[in-house]
């Protein structure tokens, strides 16, 4: 017997520890973060293979440097591939994408703010396919938006299957986004900060730990497949003189101008596309035709554009071509996104920043050769400044640029910080926010209000209702009603039929005339003084809907029913309890927003 006890006791302790572990949300979240990080990483890797496959089938090359191959292609192919590809993309979006539009980072932000982290798996997979096709046929778009959406969407789908809470779901979306960025760009720090700065919107430790773990997981998986290589190879830079900082600041100002022009161009292209007297599914084909015509002269605009960005960093492009590509790429990106191609804006922003920074650096170096760090240094600064302004994420952009380029002189980060901050502030003031915030504003989405609404949606009337109430039948005589009203909570009676269904309510005002007239006791009953068709709420109703109903009907106490068909009464909710729960939810939302969880 003692032997069995000695063996069973450790086993019991182990089981108890396992139960405690499973009840610890933070520990569960860390385990799920690793799983989501791996899934998102393989999703990002698969996305990369998919768009290269499309590119190989259409242009005949799987390399990132598409433009060097496109220079030798016949003109008809350069025009036909994006045009015909655009037609198929338009048809796919029209028939298979919910809402008939592409998806991206803004949709992840909206899912977190308004839908408690819920994202549709069909939209997630469809967006990945259409984005890969858009890049593969030469659309002048980036890959970061699609992989962020894919990683977050997969995490959302799995979270819903597991039935975890809203907070864990949102953190897991951040994990998916971070791992996707890390796996795509071999940038674990930048992936973490991007997810916190753009996707989650705060830096609370409860979110930082799992997101960082997922980001590292994504990086490990990516390096296992491709090795530890940076997306670009940047020459070593060092600041020659602090007198050069006014030039970096000026580059930040010009970068803001380029970022604003890019976003305004996309808006203009969308407006022009919407005015075309053609079916919506034809618009990408028209856009593809225009992209092909631009690519006849400037094949560098096709696809993600990493080849041309890398060439600019290596000082392999002359000043005139840098300026021409700056204009051509802006037009190509605007046409691509405006006409309906799917993709991101980060890679195009890096491209434009490289062209701007390279041309700015050549001019600055010619003017002050002894004070210049070399025009490739300005290329790097320009990349960060334009991308940071477009994304509205200065901190993560600074880190992304350094991890993407493998820059090893962190003293040079000061120059990048100066330009990025100036560009971001000017863009924020002049444009009103980032590209993503503009997309959300266009849909009428308020992120700050959305986060609060998400917490309000988490609290249901069933959480705040009480089962303490007094009911009467329709046959209850007036004398008994008079007595019960004095005993009832809040002087409110609920009239139920023989099946327990709510048919009306009674309060003191309803029996005012008969309250002190005993001569009416034998003549009236509850049915005579009942207010029929009372307002009701259901157990699953959220706080925001409940508050609006109470304001509309001017009721402080509302019955809760099982459903509006049976009207079976299960409780009552009081306005004071609803408002208390509302205030608690708002406090939680504000604490999360400011990282106070």
Protein backbone atom coordinates (compact mmCIF):
# COMPACT_ATOMS: atom_id res chain seq x y z
CA UNK A 1 0.00 0.00 0.00
CA UNK A 2 2.81 2.38 0.92
CA UNK A 3 4.62 1.41 -2.23
CA UNK A 4 1.62 2.38 -4.32
CA UNK A 5 1.34 5.66 -2.46
CA UNK A 6 4.99 6.49 -2.99
CA UNK A 7 4.62 5.83 -6.67
CA UNK A 8 1.28 7.60 -7.00
CA UNK A 9 2.27 10.75 -5.12
CA UNK A 10 4.85 12.00 -7.69
CA UNK A 11 2.45 11.15 -10.47
CA UNK A 12 -0.26 13.17 -8.73
CA UNK A 13 2.09 16.11 -8.35
CA UNK A 14 2.98 15.92 -12.03
CA UNK A 15 -0.67 15.90 -13.04
CA UNK A 16 -1.38 18.82 -10.74
CA UNK A 17 1.54 20.78 -12.22
CA UNK A 18 0.23 20.03 -15.71
CA UNK A 19 -3.20 21.32 -14.73
CA UNK A 20 -1.67 24.48 -13.28
CA UNK A 21 0.33 24.96 -16.47
CA UNK A 22 -2.75 24.61 -18.65
CA UNK A 23 -4.54 27.19 -16.49
CA UNK A 24 -1.69 29.71 -16.90
CA UNK A 25 -2.61 31.83 -19.91
CA UNK A 26 0.85 33.31 -20.34
CA UNK A 27 2.57 29.91 -20.43
CA UNK A 28 -0.01 28.57 -22.85
CA UNK A 29 0.48 31.67 -24.98
CA UNK A 30 4.25 31.13 -25.14
CA UNK A 31 3.79 27.56 -26.33
CA UNK A 32 1.22 28.63 -28.91
CA UNK A 33 3.55 31.45 -30.00
CA UNK A 34 6.18 28.90 -31.06
CA UNK A 35 3.58 26.88 -32.95
CA UNK A 36 2.11 29.96 -34.66
CA UNK A 37 5.59 31.22 -35.45
CA UNK A 38 6.43 27.98 -37.22
CA UNK A 39 3.15 27.90 -39.14
CA UNK A 40 3.46 31.55 -40.22
CA UNK A 41 7.10 31.03 -41.22
CA UNK A 42 6.26 28.12 -43.48
CA UNK A 43 3.35 30.13 -44.86
CA UNK A 44 5.72 32.99 -45.74
CA UNK A 45 8.22 30.59 -47.28
CA UNK A 46 5.45 28.97 -49.29
CA UNK A 47 4.27 32.39 -50.45
CA UNK A 48 7.77 33.18 -51.70
CA UNK A 49 7.91 29.93 -53.66
CA UNK A 50 4.44 30.59 -55.08
CA UNK A 51 5.14 34.03 -56.52
CA UNK A 52 8.48 32.87 -57.92
CA UNK A 53 6.68 29.94 -59.55
CA UNK A 54 4.23 32.32 -61.21
CA UNK A 55 7.12 34.56 -62.26
CA UNK A 56 9.01 31.58 -63.68
CA UNK A 57 6.01 30.41 -65.69
CA UNK A 58 5.28 33.89 -67.09
CA UNK A 59 8.67 35.59 -67.44
CA UNK A 60 10.93 32.53 -67.51
CA UNK A 61 13.04 33.31 -64.42
CA UNK A 62 12.76 32.52 -60.72
CA UNK A 63 15.36 35.09 -59.64
CA UNK A 64 14.68 38.22 -57.56
CA UNK A 65 16.53 40.29 -60.20
CA UNK A 66 13.66 40.07 -62.66
CA UNK A 67 14.60 43.26 -64.49
CA UNK A 68 17.95 41.92 -65.75
CA UNK A 69 16.12 39.02 -67.38
CA UNK A 70 13.26 41.20 -68.65
CA UNK A 71 15.70 43.39 -70.58
CA UNK A 72 16.19 40.54 -73.05
CA UNK A 73 12.53 39.58 -73.41
CA UNK A 74 10.50 40.55 -76.50
CA UNK A 75 8.29 43.63 -76.02
CA UNK A 76 5.08 41.67 -76.59
CA UNK A 77 5.83 39.43 -73.60
CA UNK A 78 6.59 42.34 -71.27
CA UNK A 79 3.20 43.85 -72.18
CA UNK A 80 1.20 40.63 -72.40
CA UNK A 81 2.20 39.08 -69.07
CA UNK A 82 0.92 41.84 -66.72
CA UNK A 83 -2.09 42.50 -68.98
CA UNK A 84 -3.33 38.90 -69.21
CA UNK A 85 -2.24 38.28 -65.64
CA UNK A 86 -4.24 41.31 -64.54
CA UNK A 87 -7.33 39.91 -66.27
CA UNK A 88 -7.07 36.62 -64.37
CA UNK A 89 -6.41 38.50 -61.14
CA UNK A 90 -9.49 40.64 -61.67
CA UNK A 91 -11.64 37.58 -62.32
CA UNK A 92 -10.26 35.78 -59.27
CA UNK A 93 -10.95 38.75 -56.99
CA UNK A 94 -14.44 39.20 -58.46
CA UNK A 95 -15.55 35.59 -58.05
CA UNK A 96 -13.53 34.25 -55.13
CA UNK A 97 -12.58 37.11 -52.79
CA UNK A 98 -15.22 38.12 -50.20
CA UNK A 99 -15.99 41.79 -50.68
CA UNK A 100 -14.43 41.80 -54.14
CA UNK A 101 -11.17 43.44 -53.08
CA UNK A 102 -7.60 42.40 -52.13
CA UNK A 103 -6.47 42.16 -48.50
CA UNK A 104 -3.40 43.39 -46.62
CA UNK A 105 -1.96 44.81 -43.42
CA UNK A 106 -4.85 47.24 -42.91
CA UNK A 107 -7.25 44.30 -42.77
CA UNK A 108 -5.20 42.70 -39.99
CA UNK A 109 -5.37 45.97 -38.04
CA UNK A 110 -9.12 46.13 -38.62
CA UNK A 111 -9.55 42.50 -37.55
CA UNK A 112 -7.82 43.24 -34.26
CA UNK A 113 -9.66 46.49 -33.58
CA UNK A 114 -13.19 45.63 -34.64
CA UNK A 115 -13.48 41.85 -34.74
CA UNK A 116 -11.51 40.68 -31.68
CA UNK A 117 -8.83 39.16 -33.90
CA UNK A 118 -11.21 37.20 -36.12
CA UNK A 119 -10.13 36.91 -39.76
CA UNK A 120 -11.82 34.89 -42.48
CA UNK A 121 -9.68 31.93 -43.64
CA UNK A 122 -11.10 32.11 -47.15
CA UNK A 123 -10.03 35.73 -47.48
CA UNK A 124 -6.64 34.84 -45.99
CA UNK A 125 -5.86 32.10 -48.49
CA UNK A 126 -7.42 33.97 -51.39
CA UNK A 127 -5.37 37.08 -50.62
CA UNK A 128 -2.17 35.01 -50.59
CA UNK A 129 -2.95 33.51 -53.99
CA UNK A 130 -3.91 36.78 -55.65
CA UNK A 131 -0.94 38.63 -54.14
CA UNK A 132 1.52 35.96 -55.29
CA UNK A 133 -0.02 36.13 -58.75
CA UNK A 134 0.19 39.93 -58.76
CA UNK A 135 3.91 39.88 -57.97
CA UNK A 136 4.57 36.98 -60.33
CA UNK A 137 3.05 38.68 -63.38
CA UNK A 138 5.01 41.88 -62.77
CA UNK A 139 2.67 43.95 -60.61
CA UNK A 140 4.70 46.71 -58.98
CA UNK A 141 3.83 45.72 -55.42
CA UNK A 142 5.56 44.40 -52.31
CA UNK A 143 5.47 41.05 -50.56
CA UNK A 144 5.46 42.18 -46.91
CA UNK A 145 1.74 43.03 -46.76
CA UNK A 146 0.63 39.64 -48.11
CA UNK A 147 2.89 37.63 -45.77
CA UNK A 148 1.76 39.66 -42.74
CA UNK A 149 -1.87 39.07 -43.69
CA UNK A 150 -1.22 35.38 -44.32
CA UNK A 151 0.62 34.83 -41.03
CA UNK A 152 -2.01 36.72 -39.03
CA UNK A 153 -4.89 35.03 -40.84
CA UNK A 154 -3.56 31.53 -40.20
CA UNK A 155 -3.03 32.41 -36.53
CA UNK A 156 -6.57 33.75 -36.29
CA UNK A 157 -8.06 30.62 -37.82
CA UNK A 158 -6.16 28.31 -35.46
CA UNK A 159 -7.00 30.51 -32.45
CA UNK A 160 -10.69 30.24 -33.22
CA UNK A 161 -10.41 26.45 -33.52
CA UNK A 162 -8.77 26.36 -30.09
CA UNK A 163 -11.38 28.68 -28.56
CA UNK A 164 -8.87 30.91 -26.76
CA UNK A 165 -9.74 34.35 -25.34
CA UNK A 166 -9.74 37.62 -27.27
CA UNK A 167 -6.48 38.81 -25.71
CA UNK A 168 -4.65 35.60 -26.56
CA UNK A 169 -6.11 35.63 -30.08
CA UNK A 170 -4.86 39.15 -30.71
CA UNK A 171 -1.41 38.34 -29.36
CA UNK A 172 -1.27 35.27 -31.58
CA UNK A 173 -2.13 37.42 -34.60
CA UNK A 174 0.89 39.53 -33.69
CA UNK A 175 2.94 36.33 -33.43
CA UNK A 176 1.88 35.28 -36.93
CA UNK A 177 2.67 38.69 -38.39
CA UNK A 178 6.07 38.89 -36.67
CA UNK A 179 7.11 35.40 -37.73
CA UNK A 180 6.04 36.05 -41.33
CA UNK A 181 8.13 39.23 -41.49
CA UNK A 182 11.10 37.52 -39.83
CA UNK A 183 10.96 34.52 -42.14
CA UNK A 184 10.61 36.68 -45.26
CA UNK A 185 13.37 39.16 -44.51
CA UNK A 186 15.61 37.35 -42.00
CA UNK A 187 14.87 40.18 -39.58
CA UNK A 188 13.78 38.88 -36.14
CA UNK A 189 14.12 42.17 -34.24
CA UNK A 190 12.33 44.17 -36.91
CA UNK A 191 9.59 41.55 -37.17
CA UNK A 192 8.96 41.80 -33.44
CA UNK A 193 8.86 45.60 -33.37
CA UNK A 194 6.71 45.82 -36.51
CA UNK A 195 4.11 43.50 -34.99
CA UNK A 196 4.03 45.52 -31.76
CA UNK A 197 4.15 48.97 -33.38
CA UNK A 198 1.76 48.44 -36.31
CA UNK A 199 -0.31 45.31 -35.68
CA UNK A 200 -0.85 45.15 -31.90
CA UNK A 201 -0.39 48.86 -31.18
CA UNK A 202 1.42 48.61 -27.83
CA UNK A 203 4.59 47.23 -26.21
CA UNK A 204 3.16 45.45 -23.15
CA UNK A 205 5.31 42.60 -21.86
CA UNK A 206 2.35 40.25 -22.17
CA UNK A 207 2.52 40.77 -25.94
CA UNK A 208 6.27 41.33 -26.33
CA UNK A 209 7.35 37.95 -24.95
CA UNK A 210 5.25 35.68 -27.21
CA UNK A 211 5.75 37.87 -30.28
CA UNK A 212 9.51 37.89 -29.84
CA UNK A 213 9.48 34.12 -29.38
CA UNK A 214 7.42 33.65 -32.55
CA UNK A 215 9.70 36.02 -34.46
CA UNK A 216 12.79 34.07 -33.44
CA UNK A 217 11.05 30.82 -34.40
CA UNK A 218 10.30 32.24 -37.85
CA UNK A 219 13.90 33.36 -38.28
CA UNK A 220 15.32 29.97 -37.27
CA UNK A 221 13.07 28.18 -39.75
CA UNK A 222 13.94 30.66 -42.52
CA UNK A 223 17.67 30.38 -41.89
CA UNK A 224 17.35 26.60 -41.88
CA UNK A 225 15.95 26.81 -45.40
CA UNK A 226 17.93 29.66 -46.94
CA UNK A 227 20.90 30.34 -44.65
CA UNK A 228 21.74 33.50 -42.69
CA UNK A 229 21.80 36.06 -45.49
CA UNK A 230 20.57 39.65 -45.62
CA UNK A 231 18.17 40.69 -48.37
CA UNK A 232 20.64 43.36 -49.49
CA UNK A 233 24.39 43.70 -49.16
CA UNK A 234 25.20 47.20 -47.91
CA UNK A 235 28.72 48.68 -48.05
CA UNK A 236 30.14 49.61 -44.68
CA UNK A 237 29.22 53.17 -43.67
CA UNK A 238 30.51 55.58 -41.10
CA UNK A 239 29.72 59.22 -40.45
CA UNK A 240 32.52 61.38 -41.83
CA UNK A 241 31.46 64.56 -40.04
CA UNK A 242 28.58 65.67 -37.87
CA UNK A 243 28.31 68.63 -40.23
CA UNK A 244 26.66 66.10 -42.55
CA UNK A 245 23.56 65.84 -40.38
CA UNK A 246 21.79 68.83 -41.99
CA UNK A 247 21.98 66.87 -45.25
CA UNK A 248 20.40 63.82 -43.61
CA UNK A 249 17.69 66.05 -42.15
CA UNK A 250 17.02 67.56 -45.59
CA UNK A 251 16.84 64.06 -47.07
CA UNK A 252 14.18 63.30 -44.44
CA UNK A 253 12.15 66.31 -45.63
CA UNK A 254 12.43 65.26 -49.28
CA UNK A 255 11.60 61.66 -48.34
CA UNK A 256 8.37 62.85 -46.74
CA UNK A 257 7.51 64.59 -49.99
CA UNK A 258 8.15 61.39 -51.98
CA UNK A 259 6.08 59.34 -49.52
CA UNK A 260 3.16 61.77 -49.75
CA UNK A 261 3.36 61.84 -53.55
CA UNK A 262 3.31 58.03 -53.61
CA UNK A 263 0.23 57.78 -51.39
CA UNK A 264 -1.56 60.61 -53.20
CA UNK A 265 -0.75 58.90 -56.51
CA UNK A 266 -2.33 55.66 -55.31
CA UNK A 267 -5.44 57.57 -54.24
CA UNK A 268 -5.58 59.33 -57.62
CA UNK A 269 -5.14 56.03 -59.49
CA UNK A 270 -7.94 54.43 -57.48
CA UNK A 271 -10.24 57.34 -58.21
CA UNK A 272 -9.46 57.15 -61.93
CA UNK A 273 -9.98 53.38 -61.91
CA UNK A 274 -13.36 53.76 -60.20
CA UNK A 275 -14.45 56.20 -62.91
CA UNK A 276 -13.65 53.83 -65.77
CA UNK A 277 -16.83 52.69 -67.58
CA UNK A 278 -15.70 49.05 -67.42
CA UNK A 279 -16.54 46.11 -65.14
CA UNK A 280 -14.41 46.10 -62.02
CA UNK A 281 -12.78 42.79 -62.91
CA UNK A 282 -11.33 44.34 -66.08
CA UNK A 283 -9.49 47.12 -64.23
CA UNK A 284 -6.38 45.07 -63.30
CA UNK A 285 -5.95 44.14 -66.96
CA UNK A 286 -5.95 47.83 -67.91
CA UNK A 287 -3.48 48.51 -65.11
CA UNK A 288 -1.34 45.60 -66.30
CA UNK A 289 -1.22 47.06 -69.80
CA UNK A 290 0.02 50.39 -68.47
CA UNK A 291 2.61 48.65 -66.28
CA UNK A 292 3.85 46.71 -69.29
CA UNK A 293 4.24 49.91 -71.31
CA UNK A 294 6.28 51.49 -68.51
CA UNK A 295 8.38 48.31 -68.22
CA UNK A 296 9.32 48.50 -71.90
CA UNK A 297 11.51 51.46 -70.97
CA UNK A 298 12.08 50.71 -67.28
CA UNK A 299 11.93 46.94 -66.62
CA UNK A 300 13.15 47.68 -63.08
CA UNK A 301 9.55 48.51 -62.07
CA UNK A 302 8.37 44.92 -62.51
CA UNK A 303 7.66 42.88 -59.41
CA UNK A 304 9.11 43.48 -55.95
CA UNK A 305 12.11 45.38 -57.35
CA UNK A 306 14.81 44.10 -55.02
CA UNK A 307 17.31 43.80 -57.87
CA UNK A 308 17.19 47.50 -58.69
CA UNK A 309 17.20 48.45 -54.99
CA UNK A 310 20.33 46.38 -54.45
CA UNK A 311 21.99 47.92 -57.52
CA UNK A 312 21.29 51.42 -56.16
CA UNK A 313 22.90 50.50 -52.84
CA UNK A 314 25.99 49.29 -54.69
CA UNK A 315 26.20 52.62 -56.59
CA UNK A 316 25.60 50.90 -59.94
CA UNK A 317 22.92 53.29 -61.23
CA UNK A 318 23.65 56.75 -62.66
CA UNK A 319 21.96 59.92 -61.43
CA UNK A 320 19.68 60.34 -64.43
CA UNK A 321 18.43 56.76 -64.23
CA UNK A 322 17.88 57.04 -60.47
CA UNK A 323 15.59 60.03 -60.96
CA UNK A 324 13.80 58.40 -63.90
CA UNK A 325 13.20 55.23 -61.90
CA UNK A 326 11.89 57.31 -59.00
CA UNK A 327 9.15 58.69 -61.25
CA UNK A 328 8.53 55.43 -63.13
CA UNK A 329 8.21 53.30 -60.01
CA UNK A 330 5.85 55.80 -58.36
CA UNK A 331 3.58 55.60 -61.41
CA UNK A 332 3.82 51.80 -61.60
CA UNK A 333 3.00 51.31 -57.91
CA UNK A 334 0.07 53.71 -58.09
CA UNK A 335 -1.31 51.99 -61.19
CA UNK A 336 -0.84 48.53 -59.70
CA UNK A 337 -2.58 49.21 -56.38
CA UNK A 338 -5.08 51.65 -57.88
CA UNK A 339 -6.27 49.24 -60.57
CA UNK A 340 -6.72 46.26 -58.26
CA UNK A 341 -3.47 44.29 -58.10
CA UNK A 342 -2.82 42.88 -54.62
CA UNK A 343 0.35 43.46 -52.65
CA UNK A 344 2.16 45.59 -50.11
CA UNK A 345 3.83 48.99 -50.11
CA UNK A 346 6.97 48.29 -48.07
CA UNK A 347 9.17 46.94 -50.88
CA UNK A 348 8.07 49.73 -53.27
CA UNK A 349 8.85 52.24 -50.51
CA UNK A 350 12.35 50.79 -50.13
CA UNK A 351 12.80 51.02 -53.91
CA UNK A 352 11.73 54.66 -54.01
CA UNK A 353 13.84 55.49 -50.97
CA UNK A 354 16.88 53.89 -52.58
CA UNK A 355 16.41 55.87 -55.81
CA UNK A 356 15.81 59.11 -53.91
CA UNK A 357 18.65 58.56 -51.45
CA UNK A 358 21.05 57.53 -54.20
CA UNK A 359 20.35 60.60 -56.33
CA UNK A 360 20.42 62.88 -53.27
CA UNK A 361 23.74 61.33 -52.24
CA UNK A 362 25.33 61.88 -55.63
CA UNK A 363 24.37 65.55 -55.57
CA UNK A 364 25.44 66.00 -51.94
CA UNK A 365 28.76 64.25 -52.53
CA UNK A 366 29.48 66.39 -55.59
CA UNK A 367 28.71 69.54 -53.62
CA UNK A 368 30.61 68.62 -50.41
CA UNK A 369 32.94 65.70 -51.20
CA UNK A 370 34.96 66.05 -47.98
CA UNK A 371 31.84 65.96 -45.77
CA UNK A 372 30.02 63.09 -47.49
CA UNK A 373 29.86 59.52 -46.24
CA UNK A 374 29.34 58.39 -49.84
CA UNK A 375 26.16 58.37 -51.83
CA UNK A 376 25.39 54.71 -50.97
CA UNK A 377 25.05 55.89 -47.36
CA UNK A 378 22.33 58.28 -48.46
CA UNK A 379 20.69 55.39 -50.31
CA UNK A 380 20.37 53.52 -47.05
CA UNK A 381 19.03 56.58 -45.22
CA UNK A 382 16.53 57.28 -47.99
CA UNK A 383 15.22 53.71 -47.87
CA UNK A 384 14.43 54.03 -44.19
CA UNK A 385 12.96 57.53 -44.44
CA UNK A 386 10.51 56.83 -47.27
CA UNK A 387 9.46 53.42 -45.92
CA UNK A 388 9.01 54.75 -42.38
CA UNK A 389 6.83 57.61 -43.60
CA UNK A 390 4.62 55.37 -45.74
CA UNK A 391 4.19 52.66 -43.11
CA UNK A 392 3.82 55.08 -40.20
CA UNK A 393 6.20 52.85 -38.23
CA UNK A 394 9.47 54.74 -37.69
CA UNK A 395 10.96 52.48 -35.02
CA UNK A 396 10.41 49.18 -36.80
CA UNK A 397 11.49 50.69 -40.12
CA UNK A 398 14.84 51.78 -38.68
CA UNK A 399 15.45 48.24 -37.47
CA UNK A 400 14.14 46.65 -40.66
CA UNK A 401 16.54 48.67 -42.81
CA UNK A 402 19.52 47.64 -40.73
CA UNK A 403 18.55 43.98 -40.64
CA UNK A 404 17.65 43.87 -44.34
CA UNK A 405 20.96 45.40 -45.33
CA UNK A 406 23.16 43.69 -42.77
CA UNK A 407 24.58 47.07 -41.77
CA UNK A 408 27.24 46.58 -39.11
CA UNK A 409 28.06 50.15 -38.10
CA UNK A 410 25.44 51.09 -35.54
CA UNK A 411 26.88 54.58 -35.16
CA UNK A 412 25.31 55.23 -38.55
CA UNK A 413 21.87 54.47 -37.13
CA UNK A 414 21.75 58.07 -35.84
CA UNK A 415 21.64 59.34 -39.42
CA UNK A 416 18.86 56.93 -40.30
CA UNK A 417 16.93 57.92 -37.16
CA UNK A 418 17.14 61.62 -38.00
CA UNK A 419 15.79 61.17 -41.51
CA UNK A 420 13.12 58.63 -40.57
CA UNK A 421 11.73 60.70 -37.69
CA UNK A 422 11.61 63.90 -39.74
CA UNK A 423 9.97 62.14 -42.69
CA UNK A 424 7.44 60.41 -40.45
CA UNK A 425 6.45 63.57 -38.57
CA UNK A 426 6.03 65.62 -41.75
CA UNK A 427 3.98 62.87 -43.41
CA UNK A 428 1.82 62.47 -40.31
CA UNK A 429 1.06 66.19 -40.26
CA UNK A 430 0.61 66.68 -44.01
CA UNK A 431 -1.10 63.42 -45.00
CA UNK A 432 -2.85 62.67 -41.73
CA UNK A 433 -1.26 59.28 -41.05
CA UNK A 434 0.23 56.24 -42.74
CA UNK A 435 -0.90 54.41 -45.85
CA UNK A 436 -2.63 51.84 -43.67
CA UNK A 437 -4.47 54.46 -41.63
CA UNK A 438 -5.67 56.06 -44.88
CA UNK A 439 -7.01 52.69 -46.07
CA UNK A 440 -8.87 52.22 -42.80
CA UNK A 441 -10.16 55.79 -42.76
CA UNK A 442 -11.52 55.27 -46.26
CA UNK A 443 -13.57 52.36 -44.89
CA UNK A 444 -14.75 54.42 -41.91
CA UNK A 445 -12.69 52.44 -39.38
CA UNK A 446 -11.54 54.19 -36.20
CA UNK A 447 -8.79 52.09 -34.63
CA UNK A 448 -8.87 53.75 -31.22
CA UNK A 449 -12.64 53.37 -30.99
CA UNK A 450 -12.33 49.89 -32.47
CA UNK A 451 -10.09 48.62 -29.67
CA UNK A 452 -12.62 49.80 -27.11
CA UNK A 453 -15.45 48.23 -29.10
CA UNK A 454 -13.55 44.97 -29.13
CA UNK A 455 -13.44 44.87 -25.34
CA UNK A 456 -17.10 45.85 -25.15
CA UNK A 457 -17.96 43.02 -27.53
CA UNK A 458 -16.23 40.60 -25.17
CA UNK A 459 -18.66 41.37 -22.31
CA UNK A 460 -22.15 39.99 -22.79
CA UNK A 461 -25.35 40.78 -20.96
CA UNK A 462 -25.23 37.28 -19.51
CA UNK A 463 -22.11 38.36 -17.61
CA UNK A 464 -23.81 41.28 -15.84
CA UNK A 465 -27.45 40.25 -15.54
CA UNK A 466 -29.07 39.09 -12.31
CA UNK A 467 -31.63 36.36 -11.81
CA UNK A 468 -33.18 38.25 -8.87
CA UNK A 469 -36.46 39.77 -10.01
CA UNK A 470 -40.17 39.51 -9.15
CA UNK A 471 -42.69 38.18 -11.63
CA UNK A 472 -46.49 38.03 -11.63
CA UNK A 473 -49.12 36.49 -13.83
CA UNK A 474 -51.64 38.41 -15.88
CA UNK A 475 -54.39 37.32 -13.45
CA UNK A 476 -52.70 38.81 -10.37
CA UNK A 477 -55.24 41.16 -8.66
CA UNK A 478 -54.41 44.82 -8.16
CA UNK A 479 -54.25 44.51 -4.37
CA UNK A 480 -51.54 41.88 -4.65
CA UNK A 481 -49.70 43.98 -7.24
CA UNK A 482 -49.71 46.89 -4.82
CA UNK A 483 -48.05 44.72 -2.18
CA UNK A 484 -45.51 43.15 -4.55
CA UNK A 485 -44.41 46.50 -5.97
CA UNK A 486 -43.30 47.52 -2.48
CA UNK A 487 -41.28 44.32 -2.18
CA UNK A 488 -39.88 44.12 -5.73
CA UNK A 489 -36.29 45.18 -6.51
CA UNK A 490 -36.35 48.65 -8.04
CA UNK A 491 -40.22 48.63 -7.80
CA UNK A 492 -40.45 46.71 -11.10
CA UNK A 493 -42.64 43.68 -11.84
CA UNK A 494 -42.38 41.42 -14.88
CA UNK A 495 -45.60 39.88 -16.18
CA UNK A 496 -45.24 36.30 -17.44
CA UNK A 497 -47.76 34.03 -19.13
CA UNK A 498 -48.46 30.46 -18.05
CA UNK A 499 -45.40 29.23 -19.99
CA UNK A 500 -42.99 31.68 -18.37
CA UNK A 501 -42.81 33.97 -21.42
CA UNK A 502 -42.53 37.70 -20.82
CA UNK A 503 -45.61 39.66 -21.89
CA UNK A 504 -45.07 43.02 -20.19
CA UNK A 505 -43.83 45.05 -17.24
CA UNK A 506 -45.43 47.00 -14.40
CA UNK A 507 -44.00 49.76 -12.21
CA UNK A 508 -45.54 52.26 -9.79
CA UNK A 509 -46.43 54.72 -12.53
CA UNK A 510 -48.54 52.07 -14.27
CA UNK A 511 -50.79 51.56 -11.22
CA UNK A 512 -50.77 55.18 -10.03
CA UNK A 513 -54.54 55.66 -10.34
CA UNK A 514 -55.36 52.38 -8.61
CA UNK A 515 -52.56 52.47 -6.07
CA UNK A 516 -54.60 54.17 -3.34
CA UNK A 517 -58.17 53.32 -4.42
CA UNK A 518 -59.28 50.07 -2.70
CA UNK A 519 -62.63 50.23 -4.48
CA UNK A 520 -60.88 49.08 -7.68
CA UNK A 521 -59.33 46.00 -6.10
CA UNK A 522 -62.02 43.64 -7.36
CA UNK A 523 -62.19 45.20 -10.81
CA UNK A 524 -58.55 45.29 -12.02
CA UNK A 525 -55.74 42.81 -12.36
CA UNK A 526 -52.21 42.78 -13.82
CA UNK A 527 -53.43 42.45 -17.41
CA UNK A 528 -55.21 45.81 -17.13
CA UNK A 529 -52.14 47.80 -16.13
CA UNK A 530 -49.37 45.90 -17.96
CA UNK A 531 -47.19 47.70 -20.48
CA UNK A 532 -47.02 45.22 -23.38
CA UNK A 533 -44.09 44.60 -25.79
CA UNK A 534 -41.35 45.60 -23.36
CA UNK A 535 -37.77 46.08 -24.57
CA UNK A 536 -35.66 42.96 -24.05
CA UNK A 537 -32.05 41.86 -24.30
CA UNK A 538 -30.57 38.42 -24.81
CA UNK A 539 -27.78 36.67 -22.96
CA UNK A 540 -25.36 36.99 -25.93
CA UNK A 541 -26.03 40.72 -26.50
CA UNK A 542 -22.88 42.81 -25.99
CA UNK A 543 -22.58 45.93 -23.83
CA UNK A 544 -22.56 48.44 -26.66
CA UNK A 545 -25.88 47.19 -28.05
CA UNK A 546 -27.37 47.10 -24.54
CA UNK A 547 -26.40 50.68 -23.76
CA UNK A 548 -27.83 51.93 -27.04
CA UNK A 549 -31.13 50.14 -26.36
CA UNK A 550 -31.39 51.57 -22.85
CA UNK A 551 -30.74 55.06 -24.16
CA UNK A 552 -33.33 54.67 -26.92
CA UNK A 553 -36.15 53.36 -24.69
CA UNK A 554 -35.18 55.34 -21.56
CA UNK A 555 -35.31 52.20 -19.39
CA UNK A 556 -33.04 51.58 -16.41
CA UNK A 557 -34.09 47.93 -15.94
CA UNK A 558 -34.51 45.61 -18.92
CA UNK A 559 -35.57 41.98 -19.00
CA UNK A 560 -33.21 39.35 -20.40
CA UNK A 561 -34.83 36.57 -22.44
CA UNK A 562 -33.56 33.33 -23.91
CA UNK A 563 -34.57 34.45 -27.40
CA UNK A 564 -37.12 36.79 -28.96
CA UNK A 565 -39.22 33.93 -30.30
CA UNK A 566 -39.97 32.16 -27.01
CA UNK A 567 -39.52 35.30 -24.83
CA UNK A 568 -38.62 33.00 -21.92
CA UNK A 569 -37.38 35.33 -19.20
CA UNK A 570 -34.08 34.35 -17.58
CA UNK A 571 -33.03 37.51 -15.76
CA UNK A 572 -32.90 41.27 -15.62
CA UNK A 573 -30.10 43.75 -16.25
CA UNK A 574 -29.78 47.13 -14.57
CA UNK A 575 -28.34 50.21 -16.22
CA UNK A 576 -25.95 50.88 -13.34
CA UNK A 577 -24.39 47.40 -13.74
CA UNK A 578 -24.11 47.80 -17.50
CA UNK A 579 -22.36 51.16 -17.14
CA UNK A 580 -19.97 49.76 -14.54
CA UNK A 581 -19.03 46.90 -16.88
CA UNK A 582 -18.73 49.41 -19.73
CA UNK A 583 -16.31 51.58 -17.75
CA UNK A 584 -14.24 48.55 -16.78
CA UNK A 585 -14.00 47.51 -20.43
CA UNK A 586 -12.90 51.00 -21.47
CA UNK A 587 -10.23 51.02 -18.75
CA UNK A 588 -8.92 47.66 -19.96
CA UNK A 589 -8.80 48.93 -23.55
CA UNK A 590 -6.89 52.06 -22.53
CA UNK A 591 -4.47 50.03 -20.41
CA UNK A 592 -3.75 47.70 -23.31
CA UNK A 593 -3.33 50.65 -25.68
CA UNK A 594 -0.72 52.21 -23.39
CA UNK A 595 1.00 48.95 -22.57
CA UNK A 596 -0.18 48.78 -18.98
CA UNK A 597 -1.40 45.22 -18.92
